[in-house]
N, C-alpha and C. Protein backbone atom coordinates (compact mmCIF):
# COMPACT_ATOMS: atom_id res chain seq x y z
N UNK A 1 97.22 258.34 255.50
CA UNK A 1 98.61 257.84 255.58
C UNK A 1 99.30 258.00 254.21
N UNK A 2 100.52 258.48 254.21
CA UNK A 2 101.29 258.63 252.98
C UNK A 2 101.63 257.25 252.40
N UNK A 3 101.68 257.17 251.07
CA UNK A 3 102.11 255.93 250.43
C UNK A 3 103.54 255.61 250.83
N UNK A 4 104.37 256.65 250.85
CA UNK A 4 105.80 256.50 251.14
C UNK A 4 106.22 257.53 252.16
N UNK A 5 107.01 257.10 253.14
CA UNK A 5 107.49 258.02 254.17
C UNK A 5 108.92 257.68 254.55
N UNK A 6 109.79 258.69 254.54
CA UNK A 6 111.18 258.54 254.98
C UNK A 6 111.39 259.42 256.21
N UNK A 7 111.98 258.84 257.25
CA UNK A 7 112.22 259.57 258.49
C UNK A 7 113.71 259.54 258.83
N UNK A 8 114.35 260.71 258.72
CA UNK A 8 115.77 260.88 259.09
C UNK A 8 116.66 259.78 258.48
N UNK A 9 116.46 259.55 257.21
CA UNK A 9 117.16 258.46 256.54
C UNK A 9 118.59 258.85 256.18
N UNK A 10 119.51 258.00 256.61
CA UNK A 10 120.92 258.14 256.23
C UNK A 10 121.40 256.86 255.56
N UNK A 11 122.31 257.02 254.59
CA UNK A 11 122.94 255.86 253.97
C UNK A 11 124.43 256.14 253.89
N UNK A 12 125.20 255.26 254.54
CA UNK A 12 126.65 255.40 254.60
C UNK A 12 127.29 254.17 253.98
N UNK A 13 128.20 254.40 253.04
CA UNK A 13 128.94 253.31 252.41
C UNK A 13 130.37 253.31 252.94
N UNK A 14 130.95 252.10 253.08
CA UNK A 14 132.31 251.99 253.55
C UNK A 14 132.40 251.79 255.05
N UNK A 15 133.62 251.58 255.53
CA UNK A 15 133.87 251.33 256.95
C UNK A 15 135.10 252.09 257.42
N UNK A 16 135.20 252.20 258.74
CA UNK A 16 136.38 252.82 259.33
C UNK A 16 136.55 254.27 258.89
N UNK A 17 137.78 254.58 258.45
CA UNK A 17 138.08 255.95 258.03
C UNK A 17 137.60 256.26 256.61
N UNK A 18 137.24 255.19 255.87
CA UNK A 18 136.81 255.39 254.47
C UNK A 18 135.30 255.25 254.41
N UNK A 19 134.60 256.33 254.63
CA UNK A 19 133.14 256.33 254.61
C UNK A 19 132.62 257.40 253.67
N UNK A 20 131.54 257.08 253.00
CA UNK A 20 130.86 258.04 252.14
C UNK A 20 129.42 258.14 252.62
N UNK A 21 129.03 259.34 253.05
CA UNK A 21 127.66 259.55 253.52
C UNK A 21 126.82 259.99 252.32
N UNK A 22 126.15 259.02 251.70
CA UNK A 22 125.40 259.29 250.47
C UNK A 22 124.11 260.05 250.74
N UNK A 23 123.44 259.73 251.86
CA UNK A 23 122.24 260.45 252.27
C UNK A 23 122.42 260.90 253.71
N UNK A 24 121.99 262.14 254.00
CA UNK A 24 122.30 262.74 255.29
C UNK A 24 121.05 263.23 256.02
N UNK A 25 120.18 262.30 256.36
CA UNK A 25 119.01 262.66 257.16
C UNK A 25 117.85 263.15 256.32
N UNK A 26 117.34 262.30 255.43
CA UNK A 26 116.24 262.67 254.53
C UNK A 26 114.90 262.46 255.22
N UNK A 27 114.07 263.49 255.21
CA UNK A 27 112.68 263.41 255.65
C UNK A 27 111.81 263.69 254.41
N UNK A 28 110.88 262.78 254.12
CA UNK A 28 110.10 262.92 252.89
C UNK A 28 108.81 262.12 252.98
N UNK A 29 107.72 262.71 252.47
CA UNK A 29 106.46 261.99 252.32
C UNK A 29 105.99 262.11 250.87
N UNK A 30 105.54 261.00 250.32
CA UNK A 30 104.99 260.96 248.97
C UNK A 30 103.59 260.37 249.06
N UNK A 31 102.62 261.08 248.55
CA UNK A 31 101.24 260.60 248.59
C UNK A 31 100.87 259.82 247.34
N UNK A 32 99.78 259.07 247.42
CA UNK A 32 99.29 258.30 246.28
C UNK A 32 98.92 259.24 245.13
N UNK A 33 99.36 258.88 243.92
CA UNK A 33 99.01 259.65 242.73
C UNK A 33 99.95 260.81 242.43
N UNK A 34 101.02 260.97 243.19
CA UNK A 34 101.97 262.05 242.90
C UNK A 34 102.80 261.73 241.66
N UNK A 35 103.26 262.78 241.00
CA UNK A 35 104.10 262.67 239.80
C UNK A 35 105.33 263.52 240.08
N UNK A 36 106.35 262.92 240.68
CA UNK A 36 107.47 263.66 241.27
C UNK A 36 108.79 263.36 240.57
N UNK A 37 109.67 264.32 240.62
CA UNK A 37 111.01 264.18 240.05
C UNK A 37 112.07 264.54 241.08
N UNK A 38 113.06 263.66 241.21
CA UNK A 38 114.24 263.92 242.03
C UNK A 38 115.37 264.30 241.09
N UNK A 39 115.95 265.49 241.29
CA UNK A 39 117.02 265.92 240.41
C UNK A 39 118.17 266.50 241.23
N UNK A 40 119.32 266.57 240.58
CA UNK A 40 120.51 267.09 241.24
C UNK A 40 121.74 266.62 240.50
N UNK A 41 122.92 267.14 240.84
CA UNK A 41 124.15 266.76 240.14
C UNK A 41 124.54 265.31 240.40
N UNK A 42 125.42 264.79 239.56
CA UNK A 42 125.93 263.44 239.76
C UNK A 42 126.58 263.33 241.12
N UNK A 43 126.31 262.23 241.82
CA UNK A 43 126.87 262.03 243.14
C UNK A 43 126.10 262.68 244.26
N UNK A 44 124.95 263.26 243.94
CA UNK A 44 124.17 263.97 244.97
C UNK A 44 123.35 263.03 245.85
N UNK A 45 123.11 261.78 245.37
CA UNK A 45 122.34 260.82 246.16
C UNK A 45 121.04 260.38 245.52
N UNK A 46 120.80 260.78 244.27
CA UNK A 46 119.54 260.45 243.59
C UNK A 46 119.31 258.95 243.50
N UNK A 47 120.30 258.24 242.97
CA UNK A 47 120.14 256.79 242.78
C UNK A 47 120.04 256.08 244.12
N UNK A 48 120.82 256.50 245.09
CA UNK A 48 120.74 255.89 246.42
C UNK A 48 119.34 256.06 247.00
N UNK A 49 118.78 257.26 246.83
CA UNK A 49 117.43 257.52 247.34
C UNK A 49 116.41 256.62 246.66
N UNK A 50 116.49 256.48 245.34
CA UNK A 50 115.55 255.60 244.63
C UNK A 50 115.72 254.15 245.06
N UNK A 51 116.95 253.73 245.29
CA UNK A 51 117.19 252.35 245.72
C UNK A 51 116.56 252.07 247.08
N UNK A 52 116.60 253.05 247.97
CA UNK A 52 116.00 252.88 249.29
C UNK A 52 114.47 252.91 249.18
N UNK A 53 113.94 253.81 248.38
CA UNK A 53 112.50 253.88 248.18
C UNK A 53 111.98 252.58 247.57
N UNK A 54 112.75 252.02 246.63
CA UNK A 54 112.34 250.80 245.95
C UNK A 54 112.67 249.53 246.70
N UNK A 55 113.12 249.63 247.93
CA UNK A 55 113.46 248.47 248.77
C UNK A 55 114.53 247.60 248.14
N UNK A 56 115.41 248.20 247.33
CA UNK A 56 116.56 247.49 246.79
C UNK A 56 117.74 247.55 247.76
N UNK A 57 117.63 248.44 248.74
CA UNK A 57 118.68 248.62 249.74
C UNK A 57 118.01 249.06 251.04
N UNK A 58 118.74 248.98 252.15
CA UNK A 58 118.21 249.40 253.45
C UNK A 58 119.00 250.58 253.97
N UNK A 59 118.36 251.48 254.71
CA UNK A 59 119.08 252.64 255.25
C UNK A 59 120.05 252.25 256.35
N UNK A 60 121.12 253.00 256.48
CA UNK A 60 122.05 252.81 257.60
C UNK A 60 121.41 253.29 258.89
N UNK A 61 120.70 254.41 258.80
CA UNK A 61 119.93 254.95 259.92
C UNK A 61 118.60 255.46 259.39
N UNK A 62 117.61 255.55 260.29
CA UNK A 62 116.32 256.08 259.90
C UNK A 62 115.38 255.00 259.41
N UNK A 63 114.19 255.42 258.96
CA UNK A 63 113.14 254.49 258.56
C UNK A 63 112.59 254.85 257.18
N UNK A 64 112.30 253.81 256.41
CA UNK A 64 111.59 253.95 255.15
C UNK A 64 110.31 253.13 255.25
N UNK A 65 109.17 253.80 255.09
CA UNK A 65 107.88 253.12 255.19
C UNK A 65 107.20 253.13 253.83
N UNK A 66 106.71 251.98 253.41
CA UNK A 66 105.88 251.87 252.22
C UNK A 66 104.58 251.20 252.64
N UNK A 67 103.47 251.90 252.39
CA UNK A 67 102.17 251.41 252.86
C UNK A 67 102.16 251.17 254.37
N UNK A 68 102.92 251.98 255.10
CA UNK A 68 102.93 251.89 256.54
C UNK A 68 103.86 250.84 257.11
N UNK A 69 104.54 250.08 256.26
CA UNK A 69 105.46 249.04 256.73
C UNK A 69 106.91 249.49 256.56
N UNK A 70 107.72 249.25 257.59
CA UNK A 70 109.12 249.64 257.55
C UNK A 70 109.93 248.63 256.74
N UNK A 71 110.54 249.07 255.64
CA UNK A 71 111.28 248.15 254.78
C UNK A 71 112.57 247.68 255.44
N UNK A 72 113.12 248.50 256.33
CA UNK A 72 114.38 248.14 256.99
C UNK A 72 114.25 246.97 257.95
N UNK A 73 113.03 246.64 258.34
CA UNK A 73 112.79 245.56 259.29
C UNK A 73 112.29 244.28 258.61
N UNK A 74 112.24 244.28 257.29
CA UNK A 74 111.72 243.12 256.56
C UNK A 74 112.83 242.15 256.20
N UNK A 75 112.47 240.88 256.09
CA UNK A 75 113.40 239.86 255.60
C UNK A 75 113.56 240.01 254.09
N UNK A 76 114.55 239.33 253.53
CA UNK A 76 114.77 239.40 252.07
C UNK A 76 113.55 238.90 251.32
N UNK A 77 112.91 237.84 251.82
CA UNK A 77 111.73 237.31 251.14
C UNK A 77 110.58 238.31 251.17
N UNK A 78 110.38 238.98 252.30
CA UNK A 78 109.30 239.96 252.40
C UNK A 78 109.59 241.18 251.53
N UNK A 79 110.87 241.57 251.46
CA UNK A 79 111.23 242.68 250.59
C UNK A 79 110.98 242.34 249.12
N UNK A 80 111.33 241.11 248.74
CA UNK A 80 111.09 240.67 247.36
C UNK A 80 109.60 240.68 247.04
N UNK A 81 108.80 240.24 247.98
CA UNK A 81 107.35 240.24 247.78
C UNK A 81 106.81 241.66 247.69
N UNK A 82 107.33 242.54 248.53
CA UNK A 82 106.92 243.95 248.51
C UNK A 82 107.20 244.57 247.15
N UNK A 83 108.40 244.35 246.64
CA UNK A 83 108.76 244.89 245.31
C UNK A 83 107.88 244.29 244.23
N UNK A 84 107.69 242.99 244.29
CA UNK A 84 106.92 242.30 243.26
C UNK A 84 105.47 242.76 243.21
N UNK A 85 104.89 243.02 244.37
CA UNK A 85 103.46 243.34 244.44
C UNK A 85 103.16 244.84 244.34
N UNK A 86 104.11 245.69 244.74
CA UNK A 86 103.79 247.12 244.89
C UNK A 86 104.58 248.09 244.04
N UNK A 87 105.71 247.64 243.47
CA UNK A 87 106.62 248.59 242.82
C UNK A 87 106.95 248.14 241.40
N UNK A 88 106.92 249.09 240.48
CA UNK A 88 107.38 248.86 239.11
C UNK A 88 108.63 249.69 238.87
N UNK A 89 109.60 249.13 238.16
CA UNK A 89 110.86 249.81 237.90
C UNK A 89 111.02 250.06 236.40
N UNK A 90 111.46 251.26 236.04
CA UNK A 90 111.79 251.59 234.66
C UNK A 90 113.23 252.09 234.65
N UNK A 91 114.11 251.38 233.92
CA UNK A 91 115.53 251.70 233.91
C UNK A 91 115.92 252.33 232.57
N UNK A 92 116.98 253.14 232.58
CA UNK A 92 117.39 253.81 231.35
C UNK A 92 117.93 252.85 230.30
N UNK A 93 118.42 251.68 230.72
CA UNK A 93 118.92 250.72 229.75
C UNK A 93 117.90 249.61 229.46
N UNK A 94 116.66 249.83 229.83
CA UNK A 94 115.50 249.00 229.49
C UNK A 94 115.45 247.67 230.24
N UNK A 95 116.57 246.93 230.30
CA UNK A 95 116.63 245.64 231.00
C UNK A 95 115.59 244.64 230.49
N UNK A 96 115.39 244.60 229.17
CA UNK A 96 114.48 243.62 228.58
C UNK A 96 115.22 242.31 228.34
N UNK A 97 114.48 241.21 228.34
CA UNK A 97 115.07 239.90 228.06
C UNK A 97 115.13 239.74 226.54
N UNK A 98 116.33 239.68 225.94
CA UNK A 98 116.47 239.75 224.48
C UNK A 98 115.81 238.62 223.70
N UNK A 99 115.70 237.44 224.29
CA UNK A 99 115.13 236.30 223.55
C UNK A 99 113.61 236.26 223.61
N UNK A 100 113.01 237.14 224.40
CA UNK A 100 111.56 237.19 224.52
C UNK A 100 110.99 238.34 223.69
N UNK A 101 109.78 238.15 223.18
CA UNK A 101 109.11 239.22 222.46
C UNK A 101 108.65 240.30 223.45
N UNK A 102 108.19 241.42 222.91
CA UNK A 102 107.65 242.48 223.77
C UNK A 102 106.51 241.92 224.62
N UNK A 103 105.64 241.16 223.99
CA UNK A 103 104.51 240.55 224.70
C UNK A 103 105.02 239.66 225.83
N UNK A 104 106.00 238.80 225.54
CA UNK A 104 106.50 237.85 226.53
C UNK A 104 107.24 238.56 227.67
N UNK A 105 107.97 239.65 227.35
CA UNK A 105 108.64 240.42 228.40
C UNK A 105 107.64 240.98 229.38
N UNK A 106 106.54 241.51 228.88
CA UNK A 106 105.53 242.12 229.74
C UNK A 106 104.74 241.06 230.50
N UNK A 107 104.35 240.00 229.80
CA UNK A 107 103.57 238.94 230.46
C UNK A 107 104.37 238.25 231.55
N UNK A 108 105.69 238.12 231.34
CA UNK A 108 106.56 237.48 232.33
C UNK A 108 106.51 238.25 233.65
N UNK A 109 106.54 239.57 233.58
CA UNK A 109 106.47 240.39 234.80
C UNK A 109 105.15 240.17 235.52
N UNK A 110 104.08 240.02 234.75
CA UNK A 110 102.76 239.81 235.36
C UNK A 110 102.67 238.45 236.03
N UNK A 111 103.23 237.44 235.38
CA UNK A 111 103.18 236.09 235.96
C UNK A 111 104.01 236.01 237.24
N UNK A 112 105.15 236.71 237.29
CA UNK A 112 105.96 236.73 238.50
C UNK A 112 105.19 237.34 239.66
N UNK A 113 104.38 238.36 239.34
CA UNK A 113 103.60 239.04 240.38
C UNK A 113 102.46 238.17 240.90
N UNK A 114 102.16 237.08 240.20
CA UNK A 114 101.14 236.12 240.65
C UNK A 114 99.78 236.77 240.87
N UNK A 115 99.39 237.65 239.94
CA UNK A 115 98.11 238.30 240.06
C UNK A 115 96.99 237.41 239.53
N UNK A 116 95.92 237.33 240.26
CA UNK A 116 94.75 236.57 239.84
C UNK A 116 93.73 237.52 239.21
N UNK A 117 92.72 236.97 238.61
CA UNK A 117 91.67 237.79 238.03
C UNK A 117 91.77 237.79 236.52
N UNK A 118 92.05 238.96 235.93
CA UNK A 118 92.12 239.09 234.49
C UNK A 118 93.23 238.20 233.93
N UNK A 119 92.93 237.38 232.88
CA UNK A 119 93.95 236.51 232.28
C UNK A 119 95.18 237.31 231.87
N UNK A 120 96.38 236.71 232.05
CA UNK A 120 97.62 237.44 231.81
C UNK A 120 97.75 237.90 230.37
N UNK A 121 97.32 237.07 229.41
CA UNK A 121 97.43 237.44 228.00
C UNK A 121 96.57 238.64 227.67
N UNK A 122 95.37 238.66 228.19
CA UNK A 122 94.45 239.78 227.94
C UNK A 122 94.99 241.07 228.55
N UNK A 123 95.47 240.99 229.78
CA UNK A 123 96.02 242.15 230.46
C UNK A 123 97.26 242.67 229.74
N UNK A 124 98.12 241.76 229.28
CA UNK A 124 99.34 242.15 228.58
C UNK A 124 99.02 242.87 227.28
N UNK A 125 98.10 242.34 226.49
CA UNK A 125 97.70 243.00 225.24
C UNK A 125 97.12 244.39 225.51
N UNK A 126 96.31 244.48 226.55
CA UNK A 126 95.68 245.76 226.90
C UNK A 126 96.73 246.83 227.19
N UNK A 127 97.74 246.47 227.99
CA UNK A 127 98.78 247.43 228.37
C UNK A 127 99.65 247.80 227.17
N UNK A 128 100.01 246.83 226.34
CA UNK A 128 100.84 247.13 225.17
C UNK A 128 100.10 248.03 224.18
N UNK A 129 98.82 247.83 224.03
CA UNK A 129 98.02 248.72 223.18
C UNK A 129 97.95 250.12 223.79
N UNK A 130 97.89 250.18 225.10
CA UNK A 130 97.81 251.46 225.80
C UNK A 130 99.06 252.31 225.56
N UNK A 131 100.22 251.66 225.45
CA UNK A 131 101.47 252.40 225.21
C UNK A 131 101.82 252.48 223.72
N UNK A 132 100.89 252.10 222.87
CA UNK A 132 101.08 252.25 221.43
C UNK A 132 101.88 251.17 220.75
N UNK A 133 101.92 249.97 221.32
CA UNK A 133 102.70 248.87 220.72
C UNK A 133 101.84 247.67 220.35
N UNK A 134 100.56 247.92 220.11
CA UNK A 134 99.66 246.82 219.79
C UNK A 134 100.07 246.04 218.55
N UNK A 135 100.70 246.72 217.58
CA UNK A 135 101.10 246.05 216.33
C UNK A 135 102.55 245.58 216.35
N UNK A 136 103.24 245.73 217.49
CA UNK A 136 104.64 245.32 217.57
C UNK A 136 104.90 244.37 218.74
N UNK A 137 103.84 243.84 219.33
CA UNK A 137 104.00 243.05 220.55
C UNK A 137 104.73 241.73 220.33
N UNK A 138 104.83 241.27 219.09
CA UNK A 138 105.50 240.00 218.84
C UNK A 138 106.93 240.18 218.31
N UNK A 139 107.43 241.40 218.39
CA UNK A 139 108.82 241.66 218.02
C UNK A 139 109.72 241.51 219.24
N UNK A 140 110.95 241.05 219.01
CA UNK A 140 111.94 240.97 220.07
C UNK A 140 112.64 242.33 220.23
N UNK A 141 113.29 242.56 221.37
CA UNK A 141 113.95 243.86 221.60
C UNK A 141 114.89 244.30 220.49
N UNK A 142 115.61 243.34 219.87
CA UNK A 142 116.53 243.68 218.79
C UNK A 142 115.85 244.23 217.56
N UNK A 143 114.55 244.06 217.48
CA UNK A 143 113.77 244.55 216.33
C UNK A 143 113.02 245.84 216.65
N UNK A 144 113.31 246.43 217.80
CA UNK A 144 112.61 247.64 218.24
C UNK A 144 113.58 248.81 218.37
N UNK A 145 113.07 250.02 218.18
CA UNK A 145 113.86 251.22 218.39
C UNK A 145 114.01 251.49 219.89
N UNK A 146 114.86 252.46 220.24
CA UNK A 146 115.05 252.80 221.65
C UNK A 146 113.75 253.24 222.30
N UNK A 147 112.98 254.08 221.59
CA UNK A 147 111.71 254.53 222.14
C UNK A 147 110.71 253.40 222.32
N UNK A 148 110.70 252.46 221.37
CA UNK A 148 109.80 251.31 221.48
C UNK A 148 110.21 250.39 222.63
N UNK A 149 111.50 250.21 222.83
CA UNK A 149 111.97 249.42 223.97
C UNK A 149 111.55 250.06 225.28
N UNK A 150 111.65 251.39 225.36
CA UNK A 150 111.25 252.07 226.59
C UNK A 150 109.75 251.92 226.83
N UNK A 151 108.96 251.89 225.75
CA UNK A 151 107.52 251.66 225.90
C UNK A 151 107.24 250.26 226.43
N UNK A 152 108.02 249.30 225.99
CA UNK A 152 107.88 247.94 226.53
C UNK A 152 108.22 247.94 228.02
N UNK A 153 109.29 248.67 228.38
CA UNK A 153 109.70 248.75 229.80
C UNK A 153 108.60 249.40 230.63
N UNK A 154 107.94 250.42 230.09
CA UNK A 154 106.85 251.07 230.79
C UNK A 154 105.68 250.10 230.95
N UNK A 155 105.35 249.40 229.87
CA UNK A 155 104.25 248.42 229.93
C UNK A 155 104.55 247.34 230.95
N UNK A 156 105.80 246.90 231.00
CA UNK A 156 106.19 245.87 231.96
C UNK A 156 106.03 246.37 233.39
N UNK A 157 106.34 247.64 233.62
CA UNK A 157 106.19 248.20 234.97
C UNK A 157 104.73 248.39 235.34
N UNK A 158 103.89 248.72 234.34
CA UNK A 158 102.49 249.03 234.61
C UNK A 158 101.58 247.81 234.68
N UNK A 159 102.00 246.71 234.03
CA UNK A 159 101.08 245.59 233.82
C UNK A 159 100.54 244.99 235.11
N UNK A 160 101.32 245.02 236.18
CA UNK A 160 100.85 244.45 237.44
C UNK A 160 100.14 245.47 238.32
N UNK A 161 99.86 246.65 237.72
CA UNK A 161 99.14 247.73 238.43
C UNK A 161 99.77 248.04 239.78
N UNK A 162 101.06 248.39 239.81
CA UNK A 162 101.71 248.70 241.09
C UNK A 162 101.24 250.04 241.65
N UNK A 163 101.39 250.20 242.93
CA UNK A 163 101.06 251.48 243.56
C UNK A 163 102.09 252.54 243.22
N UNK A 164 103.34 252.10 242.99
CA UNK A 164 104.47 253.02 242.83
C UNK A 164 105.34 252.58 241.65
N UNK A 165 105.71 253.55 240.81
CA UNK A 165 106.66 253.27 239.73
C UNK A 165 107.86 254.19 239.90
N UNK A 166 109.05 253.60 239.90
CA UNK A 166 110.31 254.34 240.00
C UNK A 166 110.99 254.31 238.64
N UNK A 167 111.32 255.48 238.12
CA UNK A 167 111.93 255.58 236.80
C UNK A 167 113.28 256.28 236.93
N UNK A 168 114.36 255.53 236.70
CA UNK A 168 115.72 256.05 236.84
C UNK A 168 116.23 256.51 235.48
N UNK A 169 116.30 257.83 235.29
CA UNK A 169 116.75 258.44 234.02
C UNK A 169 116.03 257.78 232.82
N UNK A 170 114.70 257.78 232.81
CA UNK A 170 113.97 257.04 231.76
C UNK A 170 114.11 257.60 230.36
N UNK A 171 114.58 258.85 230.22
CA UNK A 171 114.72 259.45 228.89
C UNK A 171 116.18 259.62 228.48
N UNK A 172 117.11 259.08 229.26
CA UNK A 172 118.54 259.34 229.04
C UNK A 172 119.02 258.90 227.65
N UNK A 173 118.47 257.81 227.13
CA UNK A 173 118.93 257.28 225.84
C UNK A 173 117.98 257.58 224.69
N UNK A 174 117.09 258.56 224.88
CA UNK A 174 116.07 258.83 223.88
C UNK A 174 116.20 260.24 223.32
N UNK A 175 115.76 260.44 222.06
CA UNK A 175 115.72 261.78 221.50
C UNK A 175 114.55 262.56 222.10
N UNK A 176 114.54 263.87 221.89
CA UNK A 176 113.57 264.72 222.58
C UNK A 176 112.12 264.41 222.19
N UNK A 177 111.88 264.09 220.93
CA UNK A 177 110.50 263.80 220.51
C UNK A 177 110.01 262.50 221.13
N UNK A 178 110.88 261.48 221.14
CA UNK A 178 110.51 260.21 221.76
C UNK A 178 110.31 260.39 223.26
N UNK A 179 111.18 261.18 223.88
CA UNK A 179 111.06 261.45 225.33
C UNK A 179 109.71 262.09 225.64
N UNK A 180 109.31 263.04 224.83
CA UNK A 180 108.03 263.71 225.05
C UNK A 180 106.88 262.71 224.98
N UNK A 181 106.92 261.82 223.98
CA UNK A 181 105.87 260.81 223.85
C UNK A 181 105.83 259.88 225.05
N UNK A 182 107.00 259.48 225.54
CA UNK A 182 107.09 258.59 226.70
C UNK A 182 106.51 259.27 227.94
N UNK A 183 106.87 260.55 228.13
CA UNK A 183 106.38 261.28 229.30
C UNK A 183 104.86 261.49 229.23
N UNK A 184 104.34 261.70 228.04
CA UNK A 184 102.89 261.84 227.89
C UNK A 184 102.17 260.55 228.26
N UNK A 185 102.76 259.42 227.88
CA UNK A 185 102.17 258.12 228.23
C UNK A 185 102.15 257.95 229.75
N UNK A 186 103.27 258.25 230.39
CA UNK A 186 103.34 258.08 231.83
C UNK A 186 102.43 259.07 232.56
N UNK A 187 102.32 260.28 232.02
CA UNK A 187 101.40 261.25 232.61
C UNK A 187 99.96 260.78 232.51
N UNK A 188 99.61 260.16 231.38
CA UNK A 188 98.25 259.64 231.21
C UNK A 188 97.98 258.49 232.16
N UNK A 189 98.97 257.62 232.29
CA UNK A 189 98.81 256.49 233.22
C UNK A 189 98.65 256.98 234.66
N UNK A 190 99.40 258.02 234.99
CA UNK A 190 99.31 258.60 236.33
C UNK A 190 97.89 259.11 236.61
N UNK A 191 97.30 259.78 235.64
CA UNK A 191 95.96 260.34 235.82
C UNK A 191 94.88 259.26 235.77
N UNK A 192 95.01 258.32 234.83
CA UNK A 192 93.96 257.31 234.63
C UNK A 192 93.98 256.22 235.70
N UNK A 193 95.18 255.83 236.13
CA UNK A 193 95.31 254.72 237.06
C UNK A 193 95.67 255.17 238.48
N UNK A 194 95.94 256.48 238.65
CA UNK A 194 96.35 257.04 239.95
C UNK A 194 97.64 256.40 240.46
N UNK A 195 98.49 255.98 239.53
CA UNK A 195 99.78 255.40 239.88
C UNK A 195 100.75 256.50 240.30
N UNK A 196 101.48 256.27 241.37
CA UNK A 196 102.48 257.22 241.84
C UNK A 196 103.78 257.03 241.06
N UNK A 197 104.32 258.10 240.50
CA UNK A 197 105.58 258.05 239.76
C UNK A 197 106.63 258.89 240.49
N UNK A 198 107.84 258.34 240.60
CA UNK A 198 108.99 259.10 241.08
C UNK A 198 110.11 258.91 240.07
N UNK A 199 110.59 260.01 239.51
CA UNK A 199 111.67 259.98 238.53
C UNK A 199 112.98 260.43 239.16
N UNK A 200 114.07 259.88 238.67
CA UNK A 200 115.40 260.43 238.93
C UNK A 200 115.93 260.90 237.58
N UNK A 201 116.35 262.16 237.48
CA UNK A 201 116.68 262.65 236.15
C UNK A 201 117.61 263.86 236.18
N UNK A 202 118.24 264.09 235.01
CA UNK A 202 118.94 265.35 234.72
C UNK A 202 118.19 266.11 233.62
N UNK A 203 117.15 265.50 233.08
CA UNK A 203 116.48 265.99 231.88
C UNK A 203 115.49 267.12 232.22
N UNK A 204 115.70 268.33 231.69
CA UNK A 204 114.77 269.44 231.95
C UNK A 204 113.34 269.13 231.50
N UNK A 205 113.19 268.33 230.43
CA UNK A 205 111.85 268.00 229.95
C UNK A 205 111.07 267.20 231.00
N UNK A 206 111.74 266.26 231.66
CA UNK A 206 111.09 265.48 232.71
C UNK A 206 110.66 266.41 233.84
N UNK A 207 111.51 267.35 234.19
CA UNK A 207 111.18 268.29 235.26
C UNK A 207 109.99 269.18 234.90
N UNK A 208 109.84 269.50 233.62
CA UNK A 208 108.70 270.30 233.18
C UNK A 208 107.38 269.54 233.36
N UNK A 209 107.42 268.23 233.16
CA UNK A 209 106.21 267.43 233.27
C UNK A 209 105.83 267.14 234.72
N UNK A 210 106.81 267.14 235.61
CA UNK A 210 106.55 266.76 237.00
C UNK A 210 105.69 267.79 237.71
N UNK A 211 104.88 267.31 238.66
CA UNK A 211 104.07 268.19 239.48
C UNK A 211 104.71 268.46 240.85
N UNK A 212 105.81 267.76 241.11
CA UNK A 212 106.58 268.02 242.33
C UNK A 212 108.05 267.85 242.02
N UNK A 213 108.83 268.87 242.37
CA UNK A 213 110.27 268.84 242.14
C UNK A 213 111.00 268.70 243.46
N UNK A 214 111.87 267.70 243.52
CA UNK A 214 112.68 267.47 244.71
C UNK A 214 114.15 267.55 244.31
N UNK A 215 114.82 268.61 244.74
CA UNK A 215 116.24 268.76 244.43
C UNK A 215 117.07 268.19 245.56
N UNK A 216 118.06 267.39 245.19
CA UNK A 216 118.94 266.80 246.20
C UNK A 216 120.38 267.19 245.91
N UNK A 217 121.07 267.63 246.96
CA UNK A 217 122.48 268.02 246.84
C UNK A 217 123.21 267.54 248.09
N UNK A 218 124.35 266.91 247.88
CA UNK A 218 125.18 266.43 248.99
C UNK A 218 124.37 265.60 249.98
N UNK A 219 123.46 264.77 249.45
CA UNK A 219 122.71 263.85 250.30
C UNK A 219 121.57 264.46 251.07
N UNK A 220 121.18 265.72 250.75
CA UNK A 220 120.08 266.37 251.44
C UNK A 220 119.11 266.96 250.43
N UNK A 221 117.82 266.95 250.76
CA UNK A 221 116.84 267.60 249.89
C UNK A 221 116.87 269.09 250.18
N UNK A 222 117.22 269.86 249.16
CA UNK A 222 117.40 271.30 249.31
C UNK A 222 116.25 272.10 248.72
N UNK A 223 115.35 271.43 248.00
CA UNK A 223 114.21 272.11 247.39
C UNK A 223 113.06 271.12 247.27
N UNK A 224 111.87 271.55 247.63
CA UNK A 224 110.68 270.73 247.52
C UNK A 224 109.55 271.64 247.02
N UNK A 225 109.30 271.58 245.73
CA UNK A 225 108.36 272.50 245.08
C UNK A 225 107.20 271.73 244.47
N UNK A 226 105.99 272.11 244.84
CA UNK A 226 104.77 271.50 244.27
C UNK A 226 104.19 272.45 243.23
N UNK A 227 103.72 271.84 242.11
CA UNK A 227 103.13 272.64 241.04
C UNK A 227 101.82 272.02 240.60
N UNK A 228 100.93 272.85 240.10
CA UNK A 228 99.65 272.35 239.58
C UNK A 228 99.85 271.84 238.17
């Protein structure tokens, strides 16, 4: 069974004569451990697609399945639980809590997920060291560079060991050298933890790292290329 499956998914915004068909019948399967990139021009439907995959929105028509469960048929509470337990999000503007340290930002995500087993402090330190922030974990976001903030965001997404990580333009605010380092970290996590990554991007560097390219134009997937 695919980790993620979309069947004839459409998303329409607006009512009456003023309608925008953002997605026009998407069929897609994503397997566990894939490292995929969705790319295309602005307004093509990339963000809408990620929002539906991440259970932040529901399709107007069609089905979105995660782990075999249809997200469109879930209550708000079940959707929140699904996101909390199975999905990590990485945003281009980081979305860190400014009054918390890097350690506290990451540990907070783990505590919300209510994971038992390994103590939260130990797990948080382990992940921050993994992304190269072992000596900066007690700094607040205002004391970190853009690349360091993005590493905190990655650690926050990874700490609860989600099955799926969605990264929306994760390198948009970073220089090329920092972007390369970030992508290498995520590629390593993908291989070591078998975490599934789906990126939305305009960045050619991200596309070079991806093992599957999904081009979207006018709400339809027009290219699906797998690479070794």
